[in-house]
């Protein structure tokens, strides 16, 4: 266990004694508190193996084996866990060139991902190519702002899904990036891109107020932040009211700790992203009190290496 901790970069976020580590979690149990752990990846880009030991910056990092072992270990320690991915599952190694996404999806199913969204590179084998791999997926693909009705993906994705963990209702929806100019037209075909901001406003409002979710999570492949006015996770957070957590992708941003941005209602939205290539696994621990109000008690970025195993 000590070896594992050597590869943890820990950022404590929250308020009061909980964030300072002054209270053990057991101190909250008597008051009806529930702990939910969110694990997440993004932009893995078909990196099933660790980077080779060739002296490069990321040598020995990443790989499915190290990630699967760490996820297994966390699940033995935490009762309520959600495992999520923010897109660009495909493209980047010969595995995709040869097998068009089958081993990537099978690996995610083996690790028991709960949900994922689509990135632009998930269209690299065409809409039909992505649809062909979905029978291997034991988890849903969530994307609310792509209209697939005239494509092979019609009725094979869903805009959102509600999970219940420890009596806590968690609504999760996905958002994809503009495909025009980023993805060849013949790859996305008749897919229609819908403006993500109004979709996010409507979907998060529905999940929070109509479906009575205690927490709303957006799996976003919009990108963390841009110098232009292009919509990003930071823009999304500031211009909505009912999103609690944004798990981001696309810009390959390594955040050592989550970003906090106040939304239109003055409430802080948490944004996190863990780079690319499966080098890191994000771990966010939330404590829900007896009124089901959430507080982020701990945030970790775990760097995956061969030494993580065992």
C-alpha atoms as a PDB file:
ATOM      1  CA  UNK A   1       0.000   0.000   0.000  1.00  0.00           C
ATOM      2  CA  UNK A   2       2.889   2.331   0.714  1.00  0.00           C
ATOM      3  CA  UNK A   3       4.172   1.921  -2.860  1.00  0.00           C
ATOM      4  CA  UNK A   4       0.773   2.986  -4.152  1.00  0.00           C
ATOM      5  CA  UNK A   5       0.757   6.096  -2.008  1.00  0.00           C
ATOM      6  CA  UNK A   6       4.125   7.136  -3.427  1.00  0.00           C
ATOM      7  CA  UNK A   7       2.376   7.819  -6.720  1.00  0.00           C
ATOM      8  CA  UNK A   8      -0.516   9.853  -5.341  1.00  0.00           C
ATOM      9  CA  UNK A   9      -0.610  13.603  -5.765  1.00  0.00           C
ATOM     10  CA  UNK A  10      -3.239  14.702  -3.302  1.00  0.00           C
ATOM     11  CA  UNK A  11      -5.186  17.952  -3.227  1.00  0.00           C
ATOM     12  CA  UNK A  12      -7.514  18.462  -0.280  1.00  0.00           C
ATOM     13  CA  UNK A  13     -10.556  20.501  -1.236  1.00  0.00           C
ATOM     14  CA  UNK A  14     -13.588  21.356   0.836  1.00  0.00           C
ATOM     15  CA  UNK A  15     -14.276  23.204   4.022  1.00  0.00           C
ATOM     16  CA  UNK A  16     -13.553  23.057   7.731  1.00  0.00           C
ATOM     17  CA  UNK A  17     -12.092  20.120   9.582  1.00  0.00           C
ATOM     18  CA  UNK A  18     -13.052  17.612   6.898  1.00  0.00           C
ATOM     19  CA  UNK A  19     -10.760  19.193   4.308  1.00  0.00           C
ATOM     20  CA  UNK A  20      -7.999  19.547   6.884  1.00  0.00           C
ATOM     21  CA  UNK A  21      -8.206  15.860   7.704  1.00  0.00           C
ATOM     22  CA  UNK A  22      -9.296  16.529  11.283  1.00  0.00           C
ATOM     23  CA  UNK A  23     -12.334  14.236  11.127  1.00  0.00           C
ATOM     24  CA  UNK A  24     -12.169  10.581  10.126  1.00  0.00           C
ATOM     25  CA  UNK A  25     -15.092   9.570   7.899  1.00  0.00           C
ATOM     26  CA  UNK A  26     -16.461   7.363  10.689  1.00  0.00           C
ATOM     27  CA  UNK A  27     -17.260  10.543  12.606  1.00  0.00           C
ATOM     28  CA  UNK A  28     -19.951  11.314  10.026  1.00  0.00           C
ATOM     29  CA  UNK A  29     -21.521   7.873   9.974  1.00  0.00           C
ATOM     30  CA  UNK A  30     -23.730   8.498  12.997  1.00  0.00           C
ATOM     31  CA  UNK A  31     -25.249  11.574  11.352  1.00  0.00           C
ATOM     32  CA  UNK A  32     -26.337   9.577   8.315  1.00  0.00           C
ATOM     33  CA  UNK A  33     -23.524  10.657   5.981  1.00  0.00           C
ATOM     34  CA  UNK A  34     -22.860   8.711   2.770  1.00  0.00           C
ATOM     35  CA  UNK A  35     -19.537   8.621   0.939  1.00  0.00           C
ATOM     36  CA  UNK A  36     -19.510   8.421  -2.871  1.00  0.00           C
ATOM     37  CA  UNK A  37     -16.269   7.927  -4.812  1.00  0.00           C
ATOM     38  CA  UNK A  38     -16.032   9.100  -8.429  1.00  0.00           C
ATOM     39  CA  UNK A  39     -13.206   7.552 -10.481  1.00  0.00           C
ATOM     40  CA  UNK A  40     -12.578   8.954 -13.947  1.00  0.00           C
ATOM     41  CA  UNK A  41     -10.455   8.912 -17.092  1.00  0.00           C
ATOM     42  CA  UNK A  42     -10.420  10.833 -20.371  1.00  0.00           C
ATOM     43  CA  UNK A  43      -8.612  10.747 -23.724  1.00  0.00           C
ATOM     44  CA  UNK A  44      -7.122   7.301 -23.143  1.00  0.00           C
ATOM     45  CA  UNK A  45      -6.562   7.038 -26.918  1.00  0.00           C
ATOM     46  CA  UNK A  46      -6.231   3.250 -27.216  1.00  0.00           C
ATOM     47  CA  UNK A  47      -3.298   3.132 -24.745  1.00  0.00           C
ATOM     48  CA  UNK A  48      -3.794  -0.411 -23.503  1.00  0.00           C
ATOM     49  CA  UNK A  49      -0.113  -0.889 -22.679  1.00  0.00           C
ATOM     50  CA  UNK A  50       2.134   1.304 -20.531  1.00  0.00           C
ATOM     51  CA  UNK A  51       4.468   3.677 -22.354  1.00  0.00           C
ATOM     52  CA  UNK A  52       7.700   1.849 -23.234  1.00  0.00           C
ATOM     53  CA  UNK A  53      10.767   2.146 -21.010  1.00  0.00           C
ATOM     54  CA  UNK A  54      12.651   4.266 -23.546  1.00  0.00           C
ATOM     55  CA  UNK A  55      13.675   7.277 -21.475  1.00  0.00           C
ATOM     56  CA  UNK A  56      10.687   9.328 -22.606  1.00  0.00           C
ATOM     57  CA  UNK A  57       8.687  11.599 -20.304  1.00  0.00           C
ATOM     58  CA  UNK A  58       5.940   9.048 -19.683  1.00  0.00           C
ATOM     59  CA  UNK A  59       7.980   5.852 -19.720  1.00  0.00           C
ATOM     60  CA  UNK A  60       6.378   3.043 -17.729  1.00  0.00           C
ATOM     61  CA  UNK A  61       3.199   5.020 -17.110  1.00  0.00           C
ATOM     62  CA  UNK A  62      -0.367   4.032 -17.887  1.00  0.00           C
ATOM     63  CA  UNK A  63      -1.708   0.747 -19.162  1.00  0.00           C
ATOM     64  CA  UNK A  64      -4.876  -1.222 -18.553  1.00  0.00           C
ATOM     65  CA  UNK A  65      -3.284  -3.644 -16.087  1.00  0.00           C
ATOM     66  CA  UNK A  66      -2.222  -0.934 -13.624  1.00  0.00           C
ATOM     67  CA  UNK A  67      -5.537   0.898 -13.971  1.00  0.00           C
ATOM     68  CA  UNK A  68      -7.613  -2.244 -13.491  1.00  0.00           C
ATOM     69  CA  UNK A  69      -5.647  -3.226 -10.379  1.00  0.00           C
ATOM     70  CA  UNK A  70      -5.990   0.209  -8.813  1.00  0.00           C
ATOM     71  CA  UNK A  71      -9.727   0.325  -9.557  1.00  0.00           C
ATOM     72  CA  UNK A  72     -10.116  -3.143  -8.039  1.00  0.00           C
ATOM     73  CA  UNK A  73      -8.267  -2.036  -4.908  1.00  0.00           C
ATOM     74  CA  UNK A  74     -10.348   1.132  -4.523  1.00  0.00           C
ATOM     75  CA  UNK A  75     -13.554  -0.863  -4.850  1.00  0.00           C
ATOM     76  CA  UNK A  76     -12.464  -3.075  -1.971  1.00  0.00           C
ATOM     77  CA  UNK A  77     -11.954   0.048   0.163  1.00  0.00           C
ATOM     78  CA  UNK A  78     -14.971   2.151  -0.906  1.00  0.00           C
ATOM     79  CA  UNK A  79     -18.571   0.976  -0.788  1.00  0.00           C
ATOM     80  CA  UNK A  80     -20.100   3.318  -3.376  1.00  0.00           C
ATOM     81  CA  UNK A  81     -18.017   3.874  -6.532  1.00  0.00           C
ATOM     82  CA  UNK A  82     -18.786   5.274  -9.993  1.00  0.00           C
ATOM     83  CA  UNK A  83     -16.249   4.819 -12.820  1.00  0.00           C
ATOM     84  CA  UNK A  84     -16.616   7.288 -15.714  1.00  0.00           C
ATOM     85  CA  UNK A  85     -14.860   8.287 -18.936  1.00  0.00           C
ATOM     86  CA  UNK A  86     -15.034  11.597 -20.833  1.00  0.00           C
ATOM     87  CA  UNK A  87     -14.338  10.388 -24.364  1.00  0.00           C
ATOM     88  CA  UNK A  88     -11.637   9.803 -26.989  1.00  0.00           C
ATOM     89  CA  UNK A  89     -11.486   6.143 -26.111  1.00  0.00           C
ATOM     90  CA  UNK A  90     -10.128   5.401 -29.602  1.00  0.00           C
ATOM     91  CA  UNK A  91      -7.104   6.281 -31.756  1.00  0.00           C
ATOM     92  CA  UNK A  92      -3.423   6.541 -30.932  1.00  0.00           C
ATOM     93  CA  UNK A  93      -1.917   3.050 -31.010  1.00  0.00           C
ATOM     94  CA  UNK A  94      -1.837   0.071 -33.398  1.00  0.00           C
ATOM     95  CA  UNK A  95      -4.556  -1.591 -31.332  1.00  0.00           C
ATOM     96  CA  UNK A  96      -7.057   0.810 -32.865  1.00  0.00           C
ATOM     97  CA  UNK A  97      -5.535   0.590 -36.340  1.00  0.00           C
ATOM     98  CA  UNK A  98      -5.900  -3.200 -36.298  1.00  0.00           C
ATOM     99  CA  UNK A  99      -9.039  -3.841 -34.269  1.00  0.00           C
ATOM    100  CA  UNK A 100     -11.036  -0.574 -34.600  1.00  0.00           C
ATOM    101  CA  UNK A 101     -11.871  -0.226 -30.916  1.00  0.00           C
ATOM    102  CA  UNK A 102     -12.874  -3.729 -29.861  1.00  0.00           C
ATOM    103  CA  UNK A 103     -10.102  -4.292 -27.260  1.00  0.00           C
ATOM    104  CA  UNK A 104     -10.569  -0.800 -25.823  1.00  0.00           C
ATOM    105  CA  UNK A 105     -14.299  -1.292 -25.233  1.00  0.00           C
ATOM    106  CA  UNK A 106     -13.779  -4.820 -23.932  1.00  0.00           C
ATOM    107  CA  UNK A 107     -11.144  -3.545 -21.486  1.00  0.00           C
ATOM    108  CA  UNK A 108     -13.527  -0.866 -20.188  1.00  0.00           C
ATOM    109  CA  UNK A 109     -16.265  -3.456 -19.766  1.00  0.00           C
ATOM    110  CA  UNK A 110     -13.840  -5.703 -17.902  1.00  0.00           C
ATOM    111  CA  UNK A 111     -13.045  -2.796 -15.548  1.00  0.00           C
ATOM    112  CA  UNK A 112     -16.803  -2.256 -15.126  1.00  0.00           C
ATOM    113  CA  UNK A 113     -17.078   1.347 -16.250  1.00  0.00           C
ATOM    114  CA  UNK A 114     -20.458   2.789 -15.364  1.00  0.00           C
ATOM    115  CA  UNK A 115     -20.713   5.282 -18.245  1.00  0.00           C
ATOM    116  CA  UNK A 116     -18.736   7.146 -20.917  1.00  0.00           C
ATOM    117  CA  UNK A 117     -19.283   9.886 -23.447  1.00  0.00           C
ATOM    118  CA  UNK A 118     -17.959  10.244 -27.005  1.00  0.00           C
ATOM    119  CA  UNK A 119     -14.973  12.254 -28.154  1.00  0.00           C
ATOM    120  CA  UNK A 120     -14.159  13.382 -31.678  1.00  0.00           C
ATOM    121  CA  UNK A 121     -11.692  10.505 -32.185  1.00  0.00           C
ATOM    122  CA  UNK A 122     -14.416   8.017 -31.367  1.00  0.00           C
ATOM    123  CA  UNK A 123     -15.686   8.782 -34.894  1.00  0.00           C
ATOM    124  CA  UNK A 124     -12.374   7.767 -36.495  1.00  0.00           C
ATOM    125  CA  UNK A 125     -13.794   4.456 -37.729  1.00  0.00           C
ATOM    126  CA  UNK A 126     -17.007   6.226 -38.714  1.00  0.00           C
ATOM    127  CA  UNK A 127     -20.376   6.204 -37.003  1.00  0.00           C
ATOM    128  CA  UNK A 128     -20.820   2.638 -38.214  1.00  0.00           C
ATOM    129  CA  UNK A 129     -17.464   1.636 -36.748  1.00  0.00           C
ATOM    130  CA  UNK A 130     -18.364   2.950 -33.310  1.00  0.00           C
ATOM    131  CA  UNK A 131     -21.779   1.297 -33.455  1.00  0.00           C
ATOM    132  CA  UNK A 132     -20.121  -2.003 -34.338  1.00  0.00           C
ATOM    133  CA  UNK A 133     -18.199  -1.996 -31.045  1.00  0.00           C
ATOM    134  CA  UNK A 134     -21.168  -1.242 -28.792  1.00  0.00           C
ATOM    135  CA  UNK A 135     -22.195  -4.900 -28.358  1.00  0.00           C
ATOM    136  CA  UNK A 136     -18.913  -5.265 -26.432  1.00  0.00           C
ATOM    137  CA  UNK A 137     -19.870  -2.448 -24.039  1.00  0.00           C
ATOM    138  CA  UNK A 138     -21.442  -3.298 -20.685  1.00  0.00           C
ATOM    139  CA  UNK A 139     -21.893   0.438 -19.996  1.00  0.00           C
ATOM    140  CA  UNK A 140     -23.965   3.160 -21.684  1.00  0.00           C
ATOM    141  CA  UNK A 141     -22.628   5.872 -23.990  1.00  0.00           C
ATOM    142  CA  UNK A 142     -24.099   9.157 -22.811  1.00  0.00           C
ATOM    143  CA  UNK A 143     -24.282  12.113 -25.187  1.00  0.00           C
ATOM    144  CA  UNK A 144     -27.091  14.659 -25.117  1.00  0.00           C
ATOM    145  CA  UNK A 145     -26.103  17.030 -27.930  1.00  0.00           C
ATOM    146  CA  UNK A 146     -25.532  14.665 -30.859  1.00  0.00           C
ATOM    147  CA  UNK A 147     -28.630  13.751 -32.855  1.00  0.00           C
ATOM    148  CA  UNK A 148     -27.984  10.267 -34.260  1.00  0.00           C
ATOM    149  CA  UNK A 149     -31.496   9.519 -35.482  1.00  0.00           C
ATOM    150  CA  UNK A 150     -30.468   9.139 -39.163  1.00  0.00           C
ATOM    151  CA  UNK A 151     -27.305   7.146 -38.468  1.00  0.00           C
ATOM    152  CA  UNK A 152     -26.189   3.686 -37.376  1.00  0.00           C
ATOM    153  CA  UNK A 153     -26.062   4.993 -33.791  1.00  0.00           C
ATOM    154  CA  UNK A 154     -29.791   5.736 -33.667  1.00  0.00           C
ATOM    155  CA  UNK A 155     -31.176   4.497 -30.327  1.00  0.00           C
ATOM    156  CA  UNK A 156     -27.759   3.106 -29.332  1.00  0.00           C
ATOM    157  CA  UNK A 157     -26.723   5.999 -27.106  1.00  0.00           C
ATOM    158  CA  UNK A 158     -28.689   7.919 -24.489  1.00  0.00           C
ATOM    159  CA  UNK A 159     -28.577  11.535 -23.293  1.00  0.00           C
ATOM    160  CA  UNK A 160     -28.371  10.742 -19.597  1.00  0.00           C
ATOM    161  CA  UNK A 161     -28.615   8.016 -16.977  1.00  0.00           C
ATOM    162  CA  UNK A 162     -29.505   8.122 -13.295  1.00  0.00           C
ATOM    163  CA  UNK A 163     -27.526   5.993 -10.857  1.00  0.00           C
ATOM    164  CA  UNK A 164     -28.431   5.345  -7.221  1.00  0.00           C
ATOM    165  CA  UNK A 165     -25.563   4.716  -4.814  1.00  0.00           C
ATOM    166  CA  UNK A 166     -26.175   4.409  -1.081  1.00  0.00           C
ATOM    167  CA  UNK A 167     -29.562   6.063  -1.477  1.00  0.00           C
ATOM    168  CA  UNK A 168     -28.033   9.021  -3.369  1.00  0.00           C
ATOM    169  CA  UNK A 169     -29.474   9.757  -6.838  1.00  0.00           C
ATOM    170  CA  UNK A 170     -26.783  10.823  -9.304  1.00  0.00           C
ATOM    171  CA  UNK A 171     -27.774  12.057 -12.761  1.00  0.00           C
ATOM    172  CA  UNK A 172     -25.068  11.872 -15.431  1.00  0.00           C
ATOM    173  CA  UNK A 173     -25.252  13.301 -18.943  1.00  0.00           C
ATOM    174  CA  UNK A 174     -22.736  13.690 -21.766  1.00  0.00           C
ATOM    175  CA  UNK A 175     -21.739  16.500 -24.116  1.00  0.00           C
ATOM    176  CA  UNK A 176     -19.683  16.216 -27.300  1.00  0.00           C
ATOM    177  CA  UNK A 177     -17.627  18.803 -29.160  1.00  0.00           C
ATOM    178  CA  UNK A 178     -18.493  20.445 -32.491  1.00  0.00           C
ATOM    179  CA  UNK A 179     -17.609  17.931 -35.210  1.00  0.00           C
ATOM    180  CA  UNK A 180     -17.572  20.274 -38.229  1.00  0.00           C
ATOM    181  CA  UNK A 181     -13.986  21.099 -39.111  1.00  0.00           C
ATOM    182  CA  UNK A 182     -12.629  18.664 -36.536  1.00  0.00           C
ATOM    183  CA  UNK A 183     -13.868  15.326 -37.861  1.00  0.00           C
ATOM    184  CA  UNK A 184     -14.158  14.383 -41.563  1.00  0.00           C
ATOM    185  CA  UNK A 185     -17.765  14.689 -42.677  1.00  0.00           C
ATOM    186  CA  UNK A 186     -17.853  11.147 -43.999  1.00  0.00           C
ATOM    187  CA  UNK A 187     -16.864   9.910 -40.525  1.00  0.00           C
ATOM    188  CA  UNK A 188     -19.757  11.516 -38.644  1.00  0.00           C
ATOM    189  CA  UNK A 189     -22.177  11.327 -41.583  1.00  0.00           C
ATOM    190  CA  UNK A 190     -25.661  12.590 -40.778  1.00  0.00           C
ATOM    191  CA  UNK A 191     -24.906  13.192 -37.102  1.00  0.00           C
ATOM    192  CA  UNK A 192     -26.326  16.564 -36.073  1.00  0.00           C
ATOM    193  CA  UNK A 193     -24.444  18.666 -33.529  1.00  0.00           C
ATOM    194  CA  UNK A 194     -26.640  20.596 -31.091  1.00  0.00           C
ATOM    195  CA  UNK A 195     -25.437  23.649 -29.161  1.00  0.00           C
ATOM    196  CA  UNK A 196     -24.174  22.170 -25.861  1.00  0.00           C
ATOM    197  CA  UNK A 197     -25.030  25.114 -23.594  1.00  0.00           C
ATOM    198  CA  UNK A 198     -28.836  25.109 -23.944  1.00  0.00           C
ATOM    199  CA  UNK A 199     -28.779  21.311 -23.913  1.00  0.00           C
ATOM    200  CA  UNK A 200     -26.761  21.380 -20.680  1.00  0.00           C
ATOM    201  CA  UNK A 201     -29.093  23.936 -19.089  1.00  0.00           C
ATOM    202  CA  UNK A 202     -32.211  21.947 -19.964  1.00  0.00           C
ATOM    203  CA  UNK A 203     -30.795  18.526 -19.104  1.00  0.00           C
ATOM    204  CA  UNK A 204     -29.278  19.529 -15.777  1.00  0.00           C
ATOM    205  CA  UNK A 205     -32.460  21.384 -14.789  1.00  0.00           C
ATOM    206  CA  UNK A 206     -34.526  18.301 -15.622  1.00  0.00           C
ATOM    207  CA  UNK A 207     -32.208  15.990 -13.658  1.00  0.00           C
ATOM    208  CA  UNK A 208     -32.076  18.236 -10.604  1.00  0.00           C
ATOM    209  CA  UNK A 209     -35.668  19.462 -10.434  1.00  0.00           C
ATOM    210  CA  UNK A 210     -37.850  16.929 -12.235  1.00  0.00           C
ATOM    211  CA  UNK A 211     -35.898  13.743 -11.563  1.00  0.00           C
ATOM    212  CA  UNK A 212     -34.843  14.989  -8.089  1.00  0.00           C
ATOM    213  CA  UNK A 213     -31.201  13.983  -8.448  1.00  0.00           C
ATOM    214  CA  UNK A 214     -29.018  14.804  -5.461  1.00  0.00           C
ATOM    215  CA  UNK A 215     -26.010  15.319  -7.737  1.00  0.00           C
ATOM    216  CA  UNK A 216     -25.661  16.141 -11.445  1.00  0.00           C
ATOM    217  CA  UNK A 217     -22.481  15.207 -13.333  1.00  0.00           C
ATOM    218  CA  UNK A 218     -21.580  16.241 -16.881  1.00  0.00           C
ATOM    219  CA  UNK A 219     -19.201  14.061 -18.886  1.00  0.00           C
ATOM    220  CA  UNK A 220     -17.797  16.684 -21.223  1.00  0.00           C
ATOM    221  CA  UNK A 221     -15.602  16.399 -24.295  1.00  0.00           C
ATOM    222  CA  UNK A 222     -15.790  20.144 -24.904  1.00  0.00           C
ATOM    223  CA  UNK A 223     -12.298  20.971 -23.591  1.00  0.00           C
ATOM    224  CA  UNK A 224     -11.160  22.625 -20.376  1.00  0.00           C
ATOM    225  CA  UNK A 225     -10.631  26.255 -21.463  1.00  0.00           C
ATOM    226  CA  UNK A 226      -9.901  28.354 -24.560  1.00  0.00           C
ATOM    227  CA  UNK A 227      -8.608  31.871 -25.192  1.00  0.00           C
ATOM    228  CA  UNK A 228     -11.523  32.416 -27.561  1.00  0.00           C
ATOM    229  CA  UNK A 229     -15.215  32.435 -26.625  1.00  0.00           C
ATOM    230  CA  UNK A 230     -15.531  28.804 -27.721  1.00  0.00           C
ATOM    231  CA  UNK A 231     -17.581  26.852 -25.220  1.00  0.00           C
ATOM    232  CA  UNK A 232     -15.480  24.939 -22.715  1.00  0.00           C
ATOM    233  CA  UNK A 233     -15.920  23.295 -19.335  1.00  0.00           C
ATOM    234  CA  UNK A 234     -15.131  26.590 -17.613  1.00  0.00           C
ATOM    235  CA  UNK A 235     -17.721  28.441 -19.711  1.00  0.00           C
ATOM    236  CA  UNK A 236     -20.235  25.661 -19.140  1.00  0.00           C
ATOM    237  CA  UNK A 237     -19.765  25.810 -15.373  1.00  0.00           C
ATOM    238  CA  UNK A 238     -20.183  29.591 -15.218  1.00  0.00           C
ATOM    239  CA  UNK A 239     -23.329  29.636 -17.350  1.00  0.00           C
ATOM    240  CA  UNK A 240     -25.421  26.869 -15.796  1.00  0.00           C
ATOM    241  CA  UNK A 241     -27.125  26.430 -12.418  1.00  0.00           C
ATOM    242  CA  UNK A 242     -27.589  22.744 -11.732  1.00  0.00           C
ATOM    243  CA  UNK A 243     -24.338  20.981 -12.657  1.00  0.00           C
ATOM    244  CA  UNK A 244     -22.315  19.930  -9.610  1.00  0.00           C
ATOM    245  CA  UNK A 245     -19.339  18.224 -11.297  1.00  0.00           C
ATOM    246  CA  UNK A 246     -17.830  18.346 -14.787  1.00  0.00           C
ATOM    247  CA  UNK A 247     -15.520  15.495 -15.771  1.00  0.00           C
ATOM    248  CA  UNK A 248     -13.711  16.877 -18.807  1.00  0.00           C
ATOM    249  CA  UNK A 249     -11.692  15.771 -21.794  1.00  0.00           C
ATOM    250  CA  UNK A 250     -10.422  16.775 -25.245  1.00  0.00           C
ATOM    251  CA  UNK A 251      -7.720  19.309 -24.271  1.00  0.00           C
ATOM    252  CA  UNK A 252      -5.510  16.723 -22.503  1.00  0.00           C
ATOM    253  CA  UNK A 253      -5.303  19.019 -19.480  1.00  0.00           C
ATOM    254  CA  UNK A 254      -3.433  17.663 -16.462  1.00  0.00           C
ATOM    255  CA  UNK A 255      -5.109  19.186 -13.415  1.00  0.00           C
ATOM    256  CA  UNK A 256      -3.275  18.427 -10.193  1.00  0.00           C
ATOM    257  CA  UNK A 257      -6.410  19.456  -8.328  1.00  0.00           C
ATOM    258  CA  UNK A 258      -9.933  20.276  -9.481  1.00  0.00           C
ATOM    259  CA  UNK A 259     -10.929  23.763 -10.584  1.00  0.00           C
ATOM    260  CA  UNK A 260     -13.786  25.465  -8.759  1.00  0.00           C
ATOM    261  CA  UNK A 261     -15.956  27.956 -10.685  1.00  0.00           C
ATOM    262  CA  UNK A 262     -19.070  29.729  -9.428  1.00  0.00           C
ATOM    263  CA  UNK A 263     -22.173  29.126 -11.507  1.00  0.00           C
ATOM    264  CA  UNK A 264     -25.066  31.496 -12.232  1.00  0.00           C
ATOM    265  CA  UNK A 265     -26.590  30.687  -8.846  1.00  0.00           C
ATOM    266  CA  UNK A 266     -23.349  31.492  -7.008  1.00  0.00           C
ATOM    267  CA  UNK A 267     -22.621  27.835  -6.232  1.00  0.00           C
ATOM    268  CA  UNK A 268     -19.220  26.294  -6.916  1.00  0.00           C
ATOM    269  CA  UNK A 269     -18.976  23.794  -9.775  1.00  0.00           C
ATOM    270  CA  UNK A 270     -16.121  21.293  -9.650  1.00  0.00           C
ATOM    271  CA  UNK A 271     -14.179  20.651 -12.875  1.00  0.00           C
ATOM    272  CA  UNK A 272     -11.592  17.903 -13.213  1.00  0.00           C
ATOM    273  CA  UNK A 273      -9.540  16.400 -16.043  1.00  0.00           C
ATOM    274  CA  UNK A 274      -6.631  13.948 -15.917  1.00  0.00           C
ATOM    275  CA  UNK A 275      -4.604  14.578 -19.064  1.00  0.00           C
ATOM    276  CA  UNK A 276      -4.493  11.791 -21.600  1.00  0.00           C
ATOM    277  CA  UNK A 277      -3.290   8.247 -22.455  1.00  0.00           C
ATOM    278  CA  UNK A 278      -4.526   6.647 -19.244  1.00  0.00           C
ATOM    279  CA  UNK A 279      -1.505   7.954 -17.346  1.00  0.00           C
ATOM    280  CA  UNK A 280      -3.644   9.119 -14.435  1.00  0.00           C
ATOM    281  CA  UNK A 281      -6.832   8.070 -12.703  1.00  0.00           C
ATOM    282  CA  UNK A 282      -8.914  10.778 -11.075  1.00  0.00           C
ATOM    283  CA  UNK A 283     -10.458  10.031  -7.676  1.00  0.00           C
ATOM    284  CA  UNK A 284     -12.988  12.373  -6.089  1.00  0.00           C
ATOM    285  CA  UNK A 285     -14.576  11.530  -2.739  1.00  0.00           C
ATOM    286  CA  UNK A 286     -17.860  13.212  -1.835  1.00  0.00           C
ATOM    287  CA  UNK A 287     -19.635  13.101   1.515  1.00  0.00           C
ATOM    288  CA  UNK A 288     -23.411  13.532   1.492  1.00  0.00           C
ATOM    289  CA  UNK A 289     -24.974  14.585   4.796  1.00  0.00           C
ATOM    290  CA  UNK A 290     -28.345  13.482   6.123  1.00  0.00           C
ATOM    291  CA  UNK A 291     -30.038  16.089   3.896  1.00  0.00           C
ATOM    292  CA  UNK A 292     -28.148  14.694   0.875  1.00  0.00           C
ATOM    293  CA  UNK A 293     -26.074  17.838   0.483  1.00  0.00           C
ATOM    294  CA  UNK A 294     -22.652  17.026  -1.013  1.00  0.00           C
ATOM    295  CA  UNK A 295     -19.183  18.214  -0.085  1.00  0.00           C
ATOM    296  CA  UNK A 296     -15.962  17.237  -1.832  1.00  0.00           C
ATOM    297  CA  UNK A 297     -13.851  15.802   0.967  1.00  0.00           C
ATOM    298  CA  UNK A 298     -10.817  14.599  -0.960  1.00  0.00           C
ATOM    299  CA  UNK A 299      -9.371  14.839  -4.470  1.00  0.00           C
ATOM    300  CA  UNK A 300      -6.527  12.676  -5.722  1.00  0.00           C
ATOM    301  CA  UNK A 301      -4.764  12.187  -9.013  1.00  0.00           C
ATOM    302  CA  UNK A 302      -3.143   8.770  -9.084  1.00  0.00           C
ATOM    303  CA  UNK A 303      -0.249   8.367 -11.506  1.00  0.00           C
ATOM    304  CA  UNK A 304      -0.358   4.848 -12.907  1.00  0.00           C
ATOM    305  CA  UNK A 305       2.946   3.010 -13.226  1.00  0.00           C
ATOM    306  CA  UNK A 306       4.008  -0.620 -13.460  1.00  0.00           C
ATOM    307  CA  UNK A 307       4.920  -0.411  -9.758  1.00  0.00           C
ATOM    308  CA  UNK A 308       1.269   0.359  -8.974  1.00  0.00           C
ATOM    309  CA  UNK A 309       0.508  -3.333  -9.476  1.00  0.00           C
ATOM    310  CA  UNK A 310       0.817  -5.559  -6.433  1.00  0.00           C
END
